[in-house]
């Protein structure tokens, strides 16, 4: 079975649920607070970006080396 339809269905469901939850003022406040507490700032953000760059670079090297 193809994966693309399932991915689109799950993404659409996620968007619809987010819209429904954000209509309720109390839930919207909780969701906003959750987003603020999860946000990476300062040095932590720089470390995450550096690790992502290293990971992507290592993946590109891996694909280059293992390509036949």
N, C-alpha and C. Protein backbone atom coordinates (compact mmCIF):
# COMPACT_ATOMS: atom_id res chain seq x y z
N UNK A 1 0.83 -1.18 0.00
CA UNK A 1 0.00 0.00 0.00
C UNK A 1 0.88 1.25 0.00
N UNK A 2 0.45 2.23 -0.72
CA UNK A 2 1.24 3.45 -0.82
C UNK A 2 1.17 4.27 0.46
N UNK A 3 2.26 4.93 0.77
CA UNK A 3 2.35 5.69 2.02
C UNK A 3 1.82 7.11 1.90
N UNK A 4 1.91 7.68 0.71
CA UNK A 4 1.55 9.09 0.54
C UNK A 4 0.12 9.40 0.99
N UNK A 5 -0.89 8.60 0.62
CA UNK A 5 -2.24 8.92 1.10
C UNK A 5 -2.34 8.91 2.62
N UNK A 6 -1.67 7.99 3.27
CA UNK A 6 -1.72 7.94 4.74
C UNK A 6 -1.06 9.16 5.35
N UNK A 7 0.04 9.59 4.76
CA UNK A 7 0.73 10.79 5.28
C UNK A 7 -0.17 12.01 5.12
N UNK A 8 -0.82 12.15 3.97
CA UNK A 8 -1.72 13.28 3.75
C UNK A 8 -2.92 13.24 4.69
N UNK A 9 -3.48 12.05 4.90
CA UNK A 9 -4.60 11.91 5.82
C UNK A 9 -4.20 12.31 7.24
N UNK A 10 -3.05 11.83 7.70
CA UNK A 10 -2.59 12.17 9.06
C UNK A 10 -2.28 13.65 9.20
N UNK A 11 -1.68 14.26 8.17
CA UNK A 11 -1.38 15.69 8.21
C UNK A 11 -2.67 16.51 8.26
N UNK A 12 -3.65 16.12 7.45
CA UNK A 12 -4.94 16.82 7.44
C UNK A 12 -5.64 16.69 8.79
N UNK A 13 -5.63 15.49 9.34
CA UNK A 13 -6.23 15.26 10.65
C UNK A 13 -5.55 16.10 11.72
N UNK A 14 -4.23 16.20 11.65
CA UNK A 14 -3.49 17.01 12.61
C UNK A 14 -3.88 18.48 12.52
N UNK A 15 -4.00 19.00 11.31
CA UNK A 15 -4.38 20.40 11.12
C UNK A 15 -5.80 20.65 11.64
N UNK A 16 -6.72 19.75 11.31
CA UNK A 16 -8.11 19.91 11.76
C UNK A 16 -8.19 19.88 13.28
N UNK A 17 -7.49 18.94 13.91
CA UNK A 17 -7.51 18.88 15.37
C UNK A 17 -6.90 20.12 16.00
N UNK A 18 -5.85 20.64 15.41
CA UNK A 18 -5.22 21.86 15.93
C UNK A 18 -6.19 23.04 15.84
N UNK A 19 -6.90 23.13 14.74
CA UNK A 19 -7.89 24.22 14.58
C UNK A 19 -9.00 24.09 15.62
N UNK A 20 -9.48 22.87 15.82
CA UNK A 20 -10.56 22.65 16.80
C UNK A 20 -10.09 22.99 18.21
N UNK A 21 -8.88 22.55 18.56
CA UNK A 21 -8.35 22.79 19.91
C UNK A 21 -8.10 24.28 20.12
N UNK A 22 -7.62 24.97 19.10
CA UNK A 22 -7.28 26.38 19.28
C UNK A 22 -8.51 27.28 19.38
N UNK A 23 -9.69 26.77 19.06
CA UNK A 23 -10.91 27.57 19.20
C UNK A 23 -11.30 27.74 20.66
N UNK A 24 -11.05 26.74 21.47
CA UNK A 24 -11.37 26.80 22.89
C UNK A 24 -10.32 27.68 23.58
N UNK A 25 -10.72 28.79 24.21
CA UNK A 25 -9.75 29.72 24.80
C UNK A 25 -8.84 29.07 25.85
N UNK A 26 -9.39 28.21 26.68
CA UNK A 26 -8.57 27.58 27.71
C UNK A 26 -7.53 26.66 27.09
N UNK A 27 -7.94 25.86 26.12
CA UNK A 27 -7.00 24.95 25.44
C UNK A 27 -5.97 25.75 24.65
N UNK A 28 -6.40 26.84 24.02
CA UNK A 28 -5.48 27.66 23.25
C UNK A 28 -4.40 28.24 24.15
N UNK A 29 -4.78 28.65 25.35
CA UNK A 29 -3.81 29.17 26.31
C UNK A 29 -2.82 28.09 26.72
N UNK A 30 -3.32 26.89 26.99
CA UNK A 30 -2.44 25.78 27.37
C UNK A 30 -1.49 25.43 26.23
N UNK A 31 -2.01 25.41 25.00
CA UNK A 31 -1.19 25.10 23.84
C UNK A 31 -0.11 26.15 23.63
N UNK A 32 -0.48 27.41 23.79
CA UNK A 32 0.49 28.50 23.65
C UNK A 32 1.58 28.40 24.71
N UNK A 33 1.19 28.10 25.93
CA UNK A 33 2.18 27.94 27.01
C UNK A 33 3.11 26.76 26.74
N UNK A 34 2.56 25.68 26.21
CA UNK A 34 3.37 24.51 25.88
C UNK A 34 4.40 24.86 24.80
N UNK A 35 3.97 25.60 23.77
CA UNK A 35 4.89 25.99 22.71
C UNK A 35 6.02 26.86 23.27
N UNK A 36 5.69 27.78 24.17
CA UNK A 36 6.71 28.65 24.76
C UNK A 36 7.70 27.88 25.60
N UNK A 37 7.24 26.86 26.32
CA UNK A 37 8.14 26.11 27.20
C UNK A 37 9.05 25.17 26.41
N UNK A 38 8.65 24.80 25.20
CA UNK A 38 9.43 23.87 24.39
C UNK A 38 10.45 24.60 23.51
N UNK A 39 10.26 25.86 23.28
CA UNK A 39 11.11 26.63 22.38
C UNK A 39 12.56 26.62 22.84
N UNK A 40 13.45 26.34 21.90
CA UNK A 40 14.88 26.35 22.20
C UNK A 40 15.41 27.77 22.04
N UNK A 41 16.21 28.21 23.00
CA UNK A 41 16.75 29.56 22.93
C UNK A 41 18.25 29.54 23.20
N UNK A 42 18.91 30.55 22.73
CA UNK A 42 20.31 30.79 23.04
C UNK A 42 21.25 29.68 22.62
N UNK A 43 22.08 29.27 23.57
CA UNK A 43 23.13 28.30 23.30
C UNK A 43 22.56 26.93 22.93
N UNK A 44 21.43 26.57 23.52
CA UNK A 44 20.81 25.28 23.21
C UNK A 44 20.42 25.23 21.74
N UNK A 45 19.87 26.32 21.25
CA UNK A 45 19.46 26.39 19.84
C UNK A 45 20.67 26.22 18.92
N UNK A 46 21.78 26.88 19.25
CA UNK A 46 22.99 26.76 18.44
C UNK A 46 23.51 25.33 18.43
N UNK A 47 23.46 24.66 19.59
CA UNK A 47 23.92 23.27 19.67
C UNK A 47 23.05 22.36 18.81
N UNK A 48 21.75 22.56 18.85
CA UNK A 48 20.84 21.73 18.06
C UNK A 48 21.09 21.94 16.58
N UNK A 49 21.26 23.18 16.16
CA UNK A 49 21.53 23.47 14.75
C UNK A 49 22.85 22.85 14.31
N UNK A 50 23.87 22.93 15.16
CA UNK A 50 25.16 22.34 14.84
C UNK A 50 25.06 20.82 14.71
N UNK A 51 24.34 20.18 15.64
CA UNK A 51 24.18 18.73 15.58
C UNK A 51 23.38 18.31 14.34
N UNK A 52 22.36 19.09 13.99
CA UNK A 52 21.61 18.79 12.76
C UNK A 52 22.50 18.92 11.53
N UNK A 53 23.32 19.95 11.48
CA UNK A 53 24.22 20.14 10.34
C UNK A 53 25.21 18.99 10.25
N UNK A 54 25.77 18.58 11.39
CA UNK A 54 26.70 17.45 11.39
C UNK A 54 26.01 16.16 10.96
N UNK A 55 24.80 15.95 11.43
CA UNK A 55 24.05 14.76 11.05
C UNK A 55 23.75 14.72 9.56
N UNK A 56 23.32 15.85 9.01
CA UNK A 56 23.03 15.91 7.58
C UNK A 56 24.31 15.71 6.77
N UNK A 57 25.39 16.34 7.22
CA UNK A 57 26.67 16.16 6.53
C UNK A 57 27.14 14.71 6.57
N UNK A 58 27.00 14.06 7.71
CA UNK A 58 27.39 12.65 7.83
C UNK A 58 26.52 11.78 6.94
N UNK A 59 25.25 12.09 6.85
CA UNK A 59 24.35 11.32 5.99
C UNK A 59 24.73 11.48 4.52
N UNK A 60 25.08 12.70 4.11
CA UNK A 60 25.50 12.94 2.72
C UNK A 60 26.79 12.17 2.43
N UNK A 61 27.74 12.19 3.36
CA UNK A 61 28.98 11.44 3.18
C UNK A 61 28.69 9.95 3.10
N UNK A 62 27.82 9.46 3.95
CA UNK A 62 27.44 8.05 3.92
C UNK A 62 26.84 7.67 2.57
N UNK A 63 25.94 8.50 2.06
CA UNK A 63 25.34 8.20 0.76
C UNK A 63 26.37 8.24 -0.35
N UNK A 64 27.31 9.16 -0.26
CA UNK A 64 28.34 9.28 -1.28
C UNK A 64 29.28 8.07 -1.26
N UNK A 65 29.66 7.65 -0.07
CA UNK A 65 30.62 6.55 0.06
C UNK A 65 29.98 5.22 -0.32
N UNK A 66 28.72 5.01 0.04
CA UNK A 66 28.08 3.71 -0.20
C UNK A 66 27.43 3.60 -1.57
N UNK A 67 27.43 4.67 -2.35
CA UNK A 67 26.81 4.61 -3.68
C UNK A 67 27.66 3.76 -4.61
N UNK A 68 27.01 2.90 -5.36
CA UNK A 68 27.75 1.98 -6.23
C UNK A 68 27.68 2.42 -7.67
